Amino acid sequence: SEKLLKVAASVPRESLVSLGTCFGKFTKSQKFRLSYKVWVKPGSEQSFLYGNHVLKSGLGRITENTAQYQGVVVFSMADVPLGFGVAAKSTQECRKVDPMAIVVFHQADVGEYVRNEDTLT
């Protein structure tokens, strides 16, 4: 939230541990590396952009060794970033679950602005 961001701004950068959902880290050369990625199949892109979770049946690929509840960036199969979420299952669990099981909880997506355009100030 914006309120939490303002509070975190008053904490020295060296003392700040984390803020929000972690989905990457800064390298020593100050480049940002995305840690965990999920690719969704073309048929599931629209569903994710409407604010729905990603099901196993819509999962194209997932980064190896993704832990459960880890922050992930959601991409289309064409490597277009769609949004981010939280892994509901680890990479290992994803291989065994039912096709209708949720594998990524929706957090935010690029369609959010269009859906909430009327309520934004």
PDB file of N, CA and C in Angstrom:
ATOM      1  N   SER A   1       0.838  -1.190   0.000  1.00  0.00           N
ATOM      2  CA  SER A   1       0.000   0.000   0.000  1.00  0.00           C
ATOM      3  C   SER A   1       0.877   1.245   0.000  1.00  0.00           C
ATOM      4  N   GLU A   2       0.289   2.338  -0.408  1.00  0.00           N
ATOM      5  CA  GLU A   2       1.030   3.600  -0.454  1.00  0.00           C
ATOM      6  C   GLU A   2       1.417   4.064   0.947  1.00  0.00           C
ATOM      7  N   LYS A   3       0.555   3.799   1.924  1.00  0.00           N
ATOM      8  CA  LYS A   3       0.840   4.182   3.316  1.00  0.00           C
ATOM      9  C   LYS A   3       2.090   3.454   3.818  1.00  0.00           C
ATOM     10  N   LEU A   4       2.181   2.156   3.545  1.00  0.00           N
ATOM     11  CA  LEU A   4       3.334   1.359   3.962  1.00  0.00           C
ATOM     12  C   LEU A   4       4.601   1.824   3.251  1.00  0.00           C
ATOM     13  N   LEU A   5       4.479   2.205   1.988  1.00  0.00           N
ATOM     14  CA  LEU A   5       5.616   2.701   1.227  1.00  0.00           C
ATOM     15  C   LEU A   5       6.167   3.977   1.839  1.00  0.00           C
ATOM     16  N   LYS A   6       5.285   4.887   2.282  1.00  0.00           N
ATOM     17  CA  LYS A   6       5.722   6.140   2.897  1.00  0.00           C
ATOM     18  C   LYS A   6       6.438   5.884   4.216  1.00  0.00           C
ATOM     19  N   VAL A   7       5.936   4.922   4.993  1.00  0.00           N
ATOM     20  CA  VAL A   7       6.581   4.580   6.260  1.00  0.00           C
ATOM     21  C   VAL A   7       7.956   3.977   6.005  1.00  0.00           C
ATOM     22  N   ALA A   8       8.057   3.101   5.000  1.00  0.00           N
ATOM     23  CA  ALA A   8       9.327   2.452   4.672  1.00  0.00           C
ATOM     24  C   ALA A   8      10.354   3.453   4.167  1.00  0.00           C
ATOM     25  N   ALA A   9       9.910   4.552   3.576  1.00  0.00           N
ATOM     26  CA  ALA A   9      10.828   5.565   3.054  1.00  0.00           C
ATOM     27  C   ALA A   9      11.622   6.237   4.173  1.00  0.00           C
ATOM     28  N   SER A  10      11.091   6.222   5.377  1.00  0.00           N
ATOM     29  CA  SER A  10      11.791   6.856   6.491  1.00  0.00           C
ATOM     30  C   SER A  10      12.808   5.928   7.153  1.00  0.00           C
ATOM     31  N   VAL A  11      12.853   4.662   6.726  1.00  0.00           N
ATOM     32  CA  VAL A  11      13.803   3.693   7.283  1.00  0.00           C
ATOM     33  C   VAL A  11      15.053   3.704   6.400  1.00  0.00           C
ATOM     34  N   PRO A  12      16.253   3.733   7.010  1.00  0.00           N
ATOM     35  CA  PRO A  12      17.479   3.701   6.192  1.00  0.00           C
ATOM     36  C   PRO A  12      17.504   2.444   5.310  1.00  0.00           C
ATOM     37  N   ARG A  13      17.986   2.593   4.093  1.00  0.00           N
ATOM     38  CA  ARG A  13      17.986   1.507   3.110  1.00  0.00           C
ATOM     39  C   ARG A  13      18.705   0.260   3.632  1.00  0.00           C
ATOM     40  N   GLU A  14      19.789   0.437   4.379  1.00  0.00           N
ATOM     41  CA  GLU A  14      20.556  -0.692   4.913  1.00  0.00           C
ATOM     42  C   GLU A  14      19.754  -1.477   5.952  1.00  0.00           C
ATOM     43  N   SER A  15      18.817  -0.822   6.629  1.00  0.00           N
ATOM     44  CA  SER A  15      18.024  -1.453   7.682  1.00  0.00           C
ATOM     45  C   SER A  15      16.735  -2.096   7.161  1.00  0.00           C
ATOM     46  N   LEU A  16      16.347  -1.752   5.936  1.00  0.00           N
ATOM     47  CA  LEU A  16      15.106  -2.264   5.377  1.00  0.00           C
ATOM     48  C   LEU A  16      15.307  -3.699   4.906  1.00  0.00           C
ATOM     49  N   VAL A  17      14.512  -4.623   5.435  1.00  0.00           N
ATOM     50  CA  VAL A  17      14.643  -6.029   5.082  1.00  0.00           C
ATOM     51  C   VAL A  17      13.808  -6.333   3.841  1.00  0.00           C
ATOM     52  N   SER A  18      12.519  -6.035   3.865  1.00  0.00           N
ATOM     53  CA  SER A  18      11.687  -6.266   2.686  1.00  0.00           C
ATOM     54  C   SER A  18      10.427  -5.426   2.785  1.00  0.00           C
ATOM     55  N   LEU A  19       9.775  -5.299   1.644  1.00  0.00           N
ATOM     56  CA  LEU A  19       8.547  -4.527   1.558  1.00  0.00           C
ATOM     57  C   LEU A  19       7.691  -5.156   0.477  1.00  0.00           C
ATOM     58  N   GLY A  20       6.557  -5.735   0.829  1.00  0.00           N
ATOM     59  CA  GLY A  20       5.656  -6.325  -0.155  1.00  0.00           C
ATOM     60  C   GLY A  20       6.040  -7.733  -0.559  1.00  0.00           C
ATOM     61  N   THR A  21       5.660  -8.114  -1.773  1.00  0.00           N
ATOM     62  CA  THR A  21       5.925  -9.448  -2.301  1.00  0.00           C
ATOM     63  C   THR A  21       7.261  -9.455  -3.022  1.00  0.00           C
ATOM     64  N   CYS A  22       8.176 -10.317  -2.617  1.00  0.00           N
ATOM     65  CA  CYS A  22       9.504 -10.393  -3.230  1.00  0.00           C
ATOM     66  C   CYS A  22       9.433 -11.225  -4.503  1.00  0.00           C
ATOM     67  N   PHE A  23       9.796 -10.623  -5.634  1.00  0.00           N
ATOM     68  CA  PHE A  23       9.824 -11.378  -6.881  1.00  0.00           C
ATOM     69  C   PHE A  23      11.128 -11.142  -7.640  1.00  0.00           C
ATOM     70  N   GLY A  24      12.122 -10.576  -6.962  1.00  0.00           N
ATOM     71  CA  GLY A  24      13.422 -10.377  -7.577  1.00  0.00           C
ATOM     72  C   GLY A  24      14.370  -9.689  -6.612  1.00  0.00           C
ATOM     73  N   LYS A  25      15.614  -9.525  -7.058  1.00  0.00           N
ATOM     74  CA  LYS A  25      16.627  -8.895  -6.215  1.00  0.00           C
ATOM     75  C   LYS A  25      17.526  -8.018  -7.070  1.00  0.00           C
ATOM     76  N   PHE A  26      18.130  -7.020  -6.434  1.00  0.00           N
ATOM     77  CA  PHE A  26      19.101  -6.184  -7.104  1.00  0.00           C
ATOM     78  C   PHE A  26      20.471  -6.847  -7.034  1.00  0.00           C
ATOM     79  N   THR A  27      21.203  -6.816  -8.145  1.00  0.00           N
ATOM     80  CA  THR A  27      22.558  -7.354  -8.165  1.00  0.00           C
ATOM     81  C   THR A  27      23.502  -6.291  -7.634  1.00  0.00           C
ATOM     82  N   LYS A  28      24.772  -6.644  -7.484  1.00  0.00           N
ATOM     83  CA  LYS A  28      25.757  -5.674  -7.006  1.00  0.00           C
ATOM     84  C   LYS A  28      25.962  -4.539  -7.998  1.00  0.00           C
ATOM     85  N   SER A  29      25.688  -4.795  -9.267  1.00  0.00           N
ATOM     86  CA  SER A  29      25.810  -3.747 -10.289  1.00  0.00           C
ATOM     87  C   SER A  29      24.503  -2.963 -10.451  1.00  0.00           C
ATOM     88  N   GLN A  30      23.579  -3.113  -9.479  1.00  0.00           N
ATOM     89  CA  GLN A  30      22.309  -2.386  -9.421  1.00  0.00           C
ATOM     90  C   GLN A  30      21.342  -2.730 -10.555  1.00  0.00           C
ATOM     91  N   LYS A  31      21.455  -3.946 -11.101  1.00  0.00           N
ATOM     92  CA  LYS A  31      20.468  -4.428 -12.066  1.00  0.00           C
ATOM     93  C   LYS A  31      19.475  -5.294 -11.310  1.00  0.00           C
ATOM     94  N   PHE A  32      18.233  -5.264 -11.743  1.00  0.00           N
ATOM     95  CA  PHE A  32      17.194  -6.032 -11.060  1.00  0.00           C
ATOM     96  C   PHE A  32      16.993  -7.358 -11.782  1.00  0.00           C
ATOM     97  N   ARG A  33      17.102  -8.471 -11.061  1.00  0.00           N
ATOM     98  CA  ARG A  33      16.923  -9.814 -11.613  1.00  0.00           C
ATOM     99  C   ARG A  33      15.638 -10.417 -11.065  1.00  0.00           C
ATOM    100  N   LEU A  34      14.775 -10.858 -11.969  1.00  0.00           N
ATOM    101  CA  LEU A  34      13.556 -11.540 -11.555  1.00  0.00           C
ATOM    102  C   LEU A  34      13.925 -12.954 -11.114  1.00  0.00           C
ATOM    103  N   SER A  35      13.537 -13.317  -9.910  1.00  0.00           N
ATOM    104  CA  SER A  35      13.919 -14.618  -9.366  1.00  0.00           C
ATOM    105  C   SER A  35      13.042 -15.750  -9.870  1.00  0.00           C
ATOM    106  N   TYR A  36      11.748 -15.565  -9.799  1.00  0.00           N
ATOM    107  CA  TYR A  36      10.832 -16.653 -10.124  1.00  0.00           C
ATOM    108  C   TYR A  36       9.825 -16.198 -11.163  1.00  0.00           C
ATOM    109  N   LYS A  37       9.689 -17.011 -12.202  1.00  0.00           N
ATOM    110  CA  LYS A  37       8.798 -16.664 -13.307  1.00  0.00           C
ATOM    111  C   LYS A  37       7.820 -17.803 -13.564  1.00  0.00           C
ATOM    112  N   VAL A  38       6.666 -17.421 -14.069  1.00  0.00           N
ATOM    113  CA  VAL A  38       5.635 -18.385 -14.469  1.00  0.00           C
ATOM    114  C   VAL A  38       5.147 -17.943 -15.837  1.00  0.00           C
ATOM    115  N   TRP A  39       5.019 -18.881 -16.756  1.00  0.00           N
ATOM    116  CA  TRP A  39       4.486 -18.592 -18.080  1.00  0.00           C
ATOM    117  C   TRP A  39       3.120 -19.251 -18.195  1.00  0.00           C
ATOM    118  N   VAL A  40       2.146 -18.507 -18.688  1.00  0.00           N
ATOM    119  CA  VAL A  40       0.800 -19.057 -18.844  1.00  0.00           C
ATOM    120  C   VAL A  40       0.507 -19.304 -20.319  1.00  0.00           C
ATOM    121  N   LYS A  41      -0.308 -20.309 -20.573  1.00  0.00           N
ATOM    122  CA  LYS A  41      -0.700 -20.653 -21.938  1.00  0.00           C
ATOM    123  C   LYS A  41      -1.589 -19.549 -22.501  1.00  0.00           C
ATOM    124  N   PRO A  42      -1.622 -19.415 -23.831  1.00  0.00           N
ATOM    125  CA  PRO A  42      -2.423 -18.344 -24.454  1.00  0.00           C
ATOM    126  C   PRO A  42      -3.893 -18.337 -24.026  1.00  0.00           C
ATOM    127  N   GLY A  43      -4.481 -19.506 -23.806  1.00  0.00           N
ATOM    128  CA  GLY A  43      -5.883 -19.563 -23.399  1.00  0.00           C
ATOM    129  C   GLY A  43      -6.133 -19.053 -21.990  1.00  0.00           C
ATOM    130  N   SER A  44      -5.105 -19.004 -21.163  1.00  0.00           N
ATOM    131  CA  SER A  44      -5.256 -18.558 -19.775  1.00  0.00           C
ATOM    132  C   SER A  44      -4.831 -17.110 -19.549  1.00  0.00           C
ATOM    133  N   GLU A  45      -4.225 -16.503 -20.562  1.00  0.00           N
ATOM    134  CA  GLU A  45      -3.790 -15.115 -20.414  1.00  0.00           C
ATOM    135  C   GLU A  45      -4.969 -14.201 -20.088  1.00  0.00           C
ATOM    136  N   GLN A  46      -6.037 -14.331 -20.851  1.00  0.00           N
ATOM    137  CA  GLN A  46      -7.213 -13.468 -20.677  1.00  0.00           C
ATOM    138  C   GLN A  46      -7.803 -13.631 -19.282  1.00  0.00           C
ATOM    139  N   SER A  47      -7.876 -14.872 -18.819  1.00  0.00           N
ATOM    140  CA  SER A  47      -8.419 -15.144 -17.488  1.00  0.00           C
ATOM    141  C   SER A  47      -7.588 -14.444 -16.414  1.00  0.00           C
ATOM    142  N   PHE A  48      -6.252 -14.532 -16.534  1.00  0.00           N
ATOM    143  CA  PHE A  48      -5.379 -13.879 -15.559  1.00  0.00           C
ATOM    144  C   PHE A  48      -5.548 -12.366 -15.617  1.00  0.00           C
ATOM    145  N   LEU A  49      -5.683 -11.819 -16.829  1.00  0.00           N
ATOM    146  CA  LEU A  49      -5.828 -10.370 -16.980  1.00  0.00           C
ATOM    147  C   LEU A  49      -7.169  -9.859 -16.475  1.00  0.00           C
ATOM    148  N   TYR A  50      -8.132 -10.748 -16.287  1.00  0.00           N
ATOM    149  CA  TYR A  50      -9.415 -10.368 -15.689  1.00  0.00           C
ATOM    150  C   TYR A  50      -9.400 -10.539 -14.175  1.00  0.00           C
ATOM    151  N   GLY A  51      -8.242 -10.885 -13.608  1.00  0.00           N
ATOM    152  CA  GLY A  51      -8.111 -10.951 -12.158  1.00  0.00           C
ATOM    153  C   GLY A  51      -8.263 -12.332 -11.558  1.00  0.00           C
ATOM    154  N   ASN A  52      -8.258 -13.377 -12.380  1.00  0.00           N
ATOM    155  CA  ASN A  52      -8.400 -14.743 -11.860  1.00  0.00           C
ATOM    156  C   ASN A  52      -7.039 -15.373 -11.581  1.00  0.00           C
ATOM    157  N   HIS A  53      -7.047 -16.372 -10.711  1.00  0.00           N
ATOM    158  CA  HIS A  53      -5.832 -17.115 -10.395  1.00  0.00           C
ATOM    159  C   HIS A  53      -5.446 -17.990 -11.581  1.00  0.00           C
ATOM    160  N   VAL A  54      -4.196 -18.458 -11.612  1.00  0.00           N
ATOM    161  CA  VAL A  54      -3.719 -19.347 -12.672  1.00  0.00           C
ATOM    162  C   VAL A  54      -3.930 -20.791 -12.221  1.00  0.00           C
ATOM    163  N   LEU A  55      -4.598 -21.567 -13.061  1.00  0.00           N
ATOM    164  CA  LEU A  55      -4.827 -22.982 -12.778  1.00  0.00           C
ATOM    165  C   LEU A  55      -3.717 -23.817 -13.404  1.00  0.00           C
ATOM    166  N   LYS A  56      -3.565 -25.035 -12.937  1.00  0.00           N
ATOM    167  CA  LYS A  56      -2.554 -25.940 -13.478  1.00  0.00           C
ATOM    168  C   LYS A  56      -2.757 -26.144 -14.971  1.00  0.00           C
ATOM    169  N   SER A  57      -4.002 -26.210 -15.421  1.00  0.00           N
ATOM    170  CA  SER A  57      -4.289 -26.417 -16.843  1.00  0.00           C
ATOM    171  C   SER A  57      -3.813 -25.249 -17.705  1.00  0.00           C
ATOM    172  N   GLY A  58      -3.641 -24.068 -17.116  1.00  0.00           N
ATOM    173  CA  GLY A  58      -3.188 -22.899 -17.854  1.00  0.00           C
ATOM    174  C   GLY A  58      -1.710 -22.615 -17.704  1.00  0.00           C
ATOM    175  N   LEU A  59      -1.024 -23.433 -16.925  1.00  0.00           N
ATOM    176  CA  LEU A  59       0.397 -23.233 -16.666  1.00  0.00           C
ATOM    177  C   LEU A  59       1.223 -23.735 -17.836  1.00  0.00           C
ATOM    178  N   GLY A  60       2.050 -22.854 -18.413  1.00  0.00           N
ATOM    179  CA  GLY A  60       2.929 -23.252 -19.506  1.00  0.00           C
ATOM    180  C   GLY A  60       4.247 -23.758 -18.978  1.00  0.00           C
ATOM    181  N   ARG A  61       4.932 -22.913 -18.186  1.00  0.00           N
ATOM    182  CA  ARG A  61       6.217 -23.262 -17.573  1.00  0.00           C
ATOM    183  C   ARG A  61       6.305 -22.560 -16.236  1.00  0.00           C
ATOM    184  N   ILE A  62       7.218 -23.055 -15.401  1.00  0.00           N
ATOM    185  CA  ILE A  62       7.488 -22.429 -14.109  1.00  0.00           C
ATOM    186  C   ILE A  62       8.974 -22.577 -13.821  1.00  0.00           C
ATOM    187  N   THR A  63       9.574 -21.565 -13.217  1.00  0.00           N
ATOM    188  CA  THR A  63      10.989 -21.615 -12.869  1.00  0.00           C
ATOM    189  C   THR A  63      11.239 -22.771 -11.905  1.00  0.00           C
ATOM    190  N   GLU A  64      12.346 -23.481 -12.121  1.00  0.00           N
ATOM    191  CA  GLU A  64      12.719 -24.587 -11.237  1.00  0.00           C
ATOM    192  C   GLU A  64      12.921 -24.086  -9.805  1.00  0.00           C
ATOM    193  N   ASN A  65      12.624 -24.947  -8.860  1.00  0.00           N
ATOM    194  CA  ASN A  65      12.835 -24.693  -7.423  1.00  0.00           C
ATOM    195  C   ASN A  65      12.055 -23.503  -6.881  1.00  0.00           C
ATOM    196  N   THR A  66      10.911 -23.212  -7.472  1.00  0.00           N
ATOM    197  CA  THR A  66      10.039 -22.175  -6.920  1.00  0.00           C
ATOM    198  C   THR A  66       9.369 -22.755  -5.681  1.00  0.00           C
ATOM    199  N   ALA A  67       9.480 -22.066  -4.570  1.00  0.00           N
ATOM    200  CA  ALA A  67       8.883 -22.534  -3.318  1.00  0.00           C
ATOM    201  C   ALA A  67       7.426 -22.094  -3.238  1.00  0.00           C
ATOM    202  N   GLN A  68       6.662 -22.802  -2.416  1.00  0.00           N
ATOM    203  CA  GLN A  68       5.273 -22.418  -2.193  1.00  0.00           C
ATOM    204  C   GLN A  68       5.242 -21.049  -1.512  1.00  0.00           C
ATOM    205  N   TYR A  69       4.299 -20.213  -1.914  1.00  0.00           N
ATOM    206  CA  TYR A  69       4.096 -18.852  -1.402  1.00  0.00           C
ATOM    207  C   TYR A  69       5.227 -17.889  -1.779  1.00  0.00           C
ATOM    208  N   GLN A  70       6.006 -18.220  -2.786  1.00  0.00           N
ATOM    209  CA  GLN A  70       7.059 -17.348  -3.289  1.00  0.00           C
ATOM    210  C   GLN A  70       6.450 -16.368  -4.293  1.00  0.00           C
ATOM    211  N   GLY A  71       6.894 -15.130  -4.300  1.00  0.00           N
ATOM    212  CA  GLY A  71       6.415 -14.163  -5.277  1.00  0.00           C
ATOM    213  C   GLY A  71       6.897 -14.534  -6.671  1.00  0.00           C
ATOM    214  N   VAL A  72       6.022 -14.465  -7.660  1.00  0.00           N
ATOM    215  CA  VAL A  72       6.378 -14.815  -9.038  1.00  0.00           C
ATOM    216  C   VAL A  72       5.885 -13.730  -9.995  1.00  0.00           C
ATOM    217  N   VAL A  73       6.592 -13.578 -11.109  1.00  0.00           N
ATOM    218  CA  VAL A  73       6.153 -12.696 -12.176  1.00  0.00           C
ATOM    219  C   VAL A  73       5.505 -13.571 -13.234  1.00  0.00           C
ATOM    220  N   VAL A  74       4.330 -13.179 -13.695  1.00  0.00           N
ATOM    221  CA  VAL A  74       3.567 -13.968 -14.664  1.00  0.00           C
ATOM    222  C   VAL A  74       3.802 -13.403 -16.067  1.00  0.00           C
ATOM    223  N   PHE A  75       4.211 -14.288 -16.971  1.00  0.00           N
ATOM    224  CA  PHE A  75       4.484 -13.929 -18.361  1.00  0.00           C
ATOM    225  C   PHE A  75       3.575 -14.718 -19.284  1.00  0.00           C
ATOM    226  N   SER A  76       3.364 -14.175 -20.496  1.00  0.00           N
ATOM    227  CA  SER A  76       2.726 -14.962 -21.549  1.00  0.00           C
ATOM    228  C   SER A  76       3.814 -15.872 -22.122  1.00  0.00           C
ATOM    229  N   MET A  77       3.436 -16.821 -22.973  1.00  0.00           N
ATOM    230  CA  MET A  77       4.417 -17.717 -23.583  1.00  0.00           C
ATOM    231  C   MET A  77       5.336 -16.945 -24.537  1.00  0.00           C
ATOM    232  N   ALA A  78       4.927 -15.745 -24.942  1.00  0.00           N
ATOM    233  CA  ALA A  78       5.749 -14.892 -25.804  1.00  0.00           C
ATOM    234  C   ALA A  78       6.635 -13.947 -24.980  1.00  0.00           C
ATOM    235  N   ASP A  79       6.789 -14.238 -23.688  1.00  0.00           N
ATOM    236  CA  ASP A  79       7.622 -13.448 -22.761  1.00  0.00           C
ATOM    237  C   ASP A  79       7.157 -12.010 -22.570  1.00  0.00           C
ATOM    238  N   VAL A  80       5.849 -11.791 -22.647  1.00  0.00           N
ATOM    239  CA  VAL A  80       5.285 -10.476 -22.344  1.00  0.00           C
ATOM    240  C   VAL A  80       4.835 -10.505 -20.889  1.00  0.00           C
ATOM    241  N   PRO A  81       5.343  -9.599 -20.036  1.00  0.00           N
ATOM    242  CA  PRO A  81       4.930  -9.597 -18.632  1.00  0.00           C
ATOM    243  C   PRO A  81       3.459  -9.213 -18.498  1.00  0.00           C
ATOM    244  N   LEU A  82       2.720 -10.030 -17.742  1.00  0.00           N
ATOM    245  CA  LEU A  82       1.284  -9.800 -17.555  1.00  0.00           C
ATOM    246  C   LEU A  82       0.952  -9.289 -16.167  1.00  0.00           C
ATOM    247  N   GLY A  83       1.777  -9.611 -15.183  1.00  0.00           N
ATOM    248  CA  GLY A  83       1.509  -9.196 -13.812  1.00  0.00           C
ATOM    249  C   GLY A  83       2.337 -10.019 -12.849  1.00  0.00           C
ATOM    250  N   PHE A  84       1.908 -10.042 -11.601  1.00  0.00           N
ATOM    251  CA  PHE A  84       2.612 -10.876 -10.639  1.00  0.00           C
ATOM    252  C   PHE A  84       1.641 -11.504  -9.669  1.00  0.00           C
ATOM    253  N   GLY A  85       2.138 -12.524  -8.977  1.00  0.00           N
ATOM    254  CA  GLY A  85       1.306 -13.258  -8.038  1.00  0.00           C
ATOM    255  C   GLY A  85       2.161 -13.992  -7.038  1.00  0.00           C
ATOM    256  N   VAL A  86       1.542 -14.953  -6.363  1.00  0.00           N
ATOM    257  CA  VAL A  86       2.214 -15.772  -5.360  1.00  0.00           C
ATOM    258  C   VAL A  86       1.986 -17.228  -5.728  1.00  0.00           C
ATOM    259  N   ALA A  87       3.048 -18.010  -5.717  1.00  0.00           N
ATOM    260  CA  ALA A  87       2.942 -19.427  -6.058  1.00  0.00           C
ATOM    261  C   ALA A  87       2.119 -20.157  -4.995  1.00  0.00           C
ATOM    262  N   ALA A  88       1.027 -20.777  -5.405  1.00  0.00           N
ATOM    263  CA  ALA A  88       0.188 -21.535  -4.487  1.00  0.00           C
ATOM    264  C   ALA A  88       0.776 -22.916  -4.236  1.00  0.00           C
ATOM    265  N   LYS A  89       1.571 -23.388  -5.175  1.00  0.00           N
ATOM    266  CA  LYS A  89       2.219 -24.705  -5.081  1.00  0.00           C
ATOM    267  C   LYS A  89       3.679 -24.545  -5.472  1.00  0.00           C
ATOM    268  N   SER A  90       4.530 -25.404  -4.940  1.00  0.00           N
ATOM    269  CA  SER A  90       5.933 -25.402  -5.337  1.00  0.00           C
ATOM    270  C   SER A  90       6.058 -26.043  -6.719  1.00  0.00           C
ATOM    271  N   THR A  91       7.222 -25.915  -7.336  1.00  0.00           N
ATOM    272  CA  THR A  91       7.452 -26.520  -8.647  1.00  0.00           C
ATOM    273  C   THR A  91       7.194 -28.022  -8.598  1.00  0.00           C
ATOM    274  N   GLN A  92       7.658 -28.678  -7.549  1.00  0.00           N
ATOM    275  CA  GLN A  92       7.483 -30.126  -7.416  1.00  0.00           C
ATOM    276  C   GLN A  92       6.008 -30.496  -7.292  1.00  0.00           C
ATOM    277  N   GLU A  93       5.258 -29.733  -6.504  1.00  0.00           N
ATOM    278  CA  GLU A  93       3.831 -30.015  -6.317  1.00  0.00           C
ATOM    279  C   GLU A  93       3.043 -29.784  -7.607  1.00  0.00           C
ATOM    280  N   CYS A  94       3.480 -28.805  -8.412  1.00  0.00           N
ATOM    281  CA  CYS A  94       2.780 -28.490  -9.668  1.00  0.00           C
ATOM    282  C   CYS A  94       2.748 -29.675 -10.615  1.00  0.00           C
ATOM    283  N   ARG A  95       3.758 -30.523 -10.539  1.00  0.00           N
ATOM    284  CA  ARG A  95       3.832 -31.676 -11.438  1.00  0.00           C
ATOM    285  C   ARG A  95       2.785 -32.732 -11.115  1.00  0.00           C
ATOM    286  N   LYS A  96       2.291 -32.752  -9.889  1.00  0.00           N
ATOM    287  CA  LYS A  96       1.409 -33.830  -9.444  1.00  0.00           C
ATOM    288  C   LYS A  96      -0.050 -33.432  -9.260  1.00  0.00           C
ATOM    289  N   VAL A  97      -0.350 -32.145  -9.260  1.00  0.00           N
ATOM    290  CA  VAL A  97      -1.693 -31.705  -8.884  1.00  0.00           C
ATOM    291  C   VAL A  97      -2.717 -31.869 -10.007  1.00  0.00           C
ATOM    292  N   ASP A  98      -3.968 -31.786  -9.618  1.00  0.00           N
ATOM    293  CA  ASP A  98      -5.118 -31.847 -10.504  1.00  0.00           C
ATOM    294  C   ASP A  98      -5.094 -30.649 -11.474  1.00  0.00           C
ATOM    295  N   PRO A  99      -5.525 -30.823 -12.727  1.00  0.00           N
ATOM    296  CA  PRO A  99      -5.506 -29.709 -13.693  1.00  0.00           C
ATOM    297  C   PRO A  99      -6.338 -28.492 -13.273  1.00  0.00           C
ATOM    298  N   MET A 100      -7.304 -28.666 -12.399  1.00  0.00           N
ATOM    299  CA  MET A 100      -8.135 -27.536 -11.959  1.00  0.00           C
ATOM    300  C   MET A 100      -7.633 -26.901 -10.658  1.00  0.00           C
ATOM    301  N   ALA A 101      -6.476 -27.337 -10.160  1.00  0.00           N
ATOM    302  CA  ALA A 101      -5.912 -26.775  -8.933  1.00  0.00           C
ATOM    303  C   ALA A 101      -5.261 -25.424  -9.228  1.00  0.00           C
ATOM    304  N   ILE A 102      -5.352 -24.515  -8.282  1.00  0.00           N
ATOM    305  CA  ILE A 102      -4.726 -23.194  -8.410  1.00  0.00           C
ATOM    306  C   ILE A 102      -3.227 -23.346  -8.161  1.00  0.00           C
ATOM    307  N   VAL A 103      -2.413 -22.828  -9.083  1.00  0.00           N
ATOM    308  CA  VAL A 103      -0.961 -22.889  -8.907  1.00  0.00           C
ATOM    309  C   VAL A 103      -0.352 -21.509  -8.650  1.00  0.00           C
ATOM    310  N   VAL A 104      -1.043 -20.444  -9.050  1.00  0.00           N
ATOM    311  CA  VAL A 104      -0.565 -19.078  -8.780  1.00  0.00           C
ATOM    312  C   VAL A 104      -1.746 -18.224  -8.344  1.00  0.00           C
ATOM    313  N   PHE A 105      -1.608 -17.602  -7.174  1.00  0.00           N
ATOM    314  CA  PHE A 105      -2.614 -16.663  -6.694  1.00  0.00           C
ATOM    315  C   PHE A 105      -2.381 -15.314  -7.367  1.00  0.00           C
ATOM    316  N   HIS A 106      -3.434 -14.745  -7.920  1.00  0.00           N
ATOM    317  CA  HIS A 106      -3.357 -13.448  -8.603  1.00  0.00           C
ATOM    318  C   HIS A 106      -3.107 -12.338  -7.584  1.00  0.00           C
ATOM    319  N   GLN A 107      -2.152 -11.456  -7.875  1.00  0.00           N
ATOM    320  CA  GLN A 107      -1.892 -10.285  -7.034  1.00  0.00           C
ATOM    321  C   GLN A 107      -2.218  -9.001  -7.797  1.00  0.00           C
ATOM    322  N   ALA A 108      -1.628  -8.849  -8.969  1.00  0.00           N
ATOM    323  CA  ALA A 108      -1.863  -7.656  -9.790  1.00  0.00           C
ATOM    324  C   ALA A 108      -1.545  -7.990 -11.239  1.00  0.00           C
ATOM    325  N   ASP A 109      -2.141  -7.242 -12.156  1.00  0.00           N
ATOM    326  CA  ASP A 109      -1.890  -7.479 -13.569  1.00  0.00           C
ATOM    327  C   ASP A 109      -2.011  -6.181 -14.349  1.00  0.00           C
ATOM    328  N   VAL A 110      -1.632  -6.226 -15.615  1.00  0.00           N
ATOM    329  CA  VAL A 110      -1.647  -5.022 -16.446  1.00  0.00           C
ATOM    330  C   VAL A 110      -3.064  -4.570 -16.789  1.00  0.00           C
ATOM    331  N   GLY A 111      -4.054  -5.412 -16.616  1.00  0.00           N
ATOM    332  CA  GLY A 111      -5.439  -5.033 -16.874  1.00  0.00           C
ATOM    333  C   GLY A 111      -6.113  -4.345 -15.701  1.00  0.00           C
ATOM    334  N   GLU A 112      -5.406  -4.229 -14.592  1.00  0.00           N
ATOM    335  CA  GLU A 112      -5.969  -3.648 -13.379  1.00  0.00           C
ATOM    336  C   GLU A 112      -6.405  -2.198 -13.579  1.00  0.00           C
ATOM    337  N   TYR A 113      -5.591  -1.417 -14.294  1.00  0.00           N
ATOM    338  CA  TYR A 113      -5.916  -0.019 -14.522  1.00  0.00           C
ATOM    339  C   TYR A 113      -7.234   0.110 -15.290  1.00  0.00           C
ATOM    340  N   VAL A 114      -7.410  -0.717 -16.327  1.00  0.00           N
ATOM    341  CA  VAL A 114      -8.616  -0.644 -17.136  1.00  0.00           C
ATOM    342  C   VAL A 114      -9.845  -1.009 -16.295  1.00  0.00           C
ATOM    343  N   ARG A 115      -9.725  -2.033 -15.438  1.00  0.00           N
ATOM    344  CA  ARG A 115     -10.853  -2.452 -14.607  1.00  0.00           C
ATOM    345  C   ARG A 115     -11.214  -1.411 -13.560  1.00  0.00           C
ATOM    346  N   ASN A 116     -10.232  -0.691 -13.042  1.00  0.00           N
ATOM    347  CA  ASN A 116     -10.469   0.255 -11.955  1.00  0.00           C
ATOM    348  C   ASN A 116     -10.393   1.711 -12.394  1.00  0.00           C
ATOM    349  N   GLU A 117     -10.424   1.968 -13.668  1.00  0.00           N
ATOM    350  CA  GLU A 117     -10.258   3.314 -14.205  1.00  0.00           C
ATOM    351  C   GLU A 117     -11.300   4.284 -13.651  1.00  0.00           C
ATOM    352  N   ASP A 118     -12.521   3.829 -13.453  1.00  0.00           N
ATOM    353  CA  ASP A 118     -13.590   4.709 -12.959  1.00  0.00           C
ATOM    354  C   ASP A 118     -13.387   5.136 -11.515  1.00  0.00           C
ATOM    355  N   THR A 119     -12.743   4.307 -10.718  1.00  0.00           N
ATOM    356  CA  THR A 119     -12.580   4.607  -9.289  1.00  0.00           C
ATOM    357  C   THR A 119     -11.263   5.300  -8.964  1.00  0.00           C
ATOM    358  N   LEU A 120     -10.355   5.411  -9.944  1.00  0.00           N
ATOM    359  CA  LEU A 120      -9.075   6.066  -9.691  1.00  0.00           C
ATOM    360  C   LEU A 120      -9.267   7.572  -9.653  1.00  0.00           C
ATOM    361  N   THR A 121      -8.495   8.252  -8.810  1.00  0.00           N
ATOM    362  CA  THR A 121      -8.624   9.704  -8.719  1.00  0.00           C
ATOM    363  C   THR A 121      -7.534  10.397  -9.483  1.00  0.00           C
TER     364      THR A 121
END
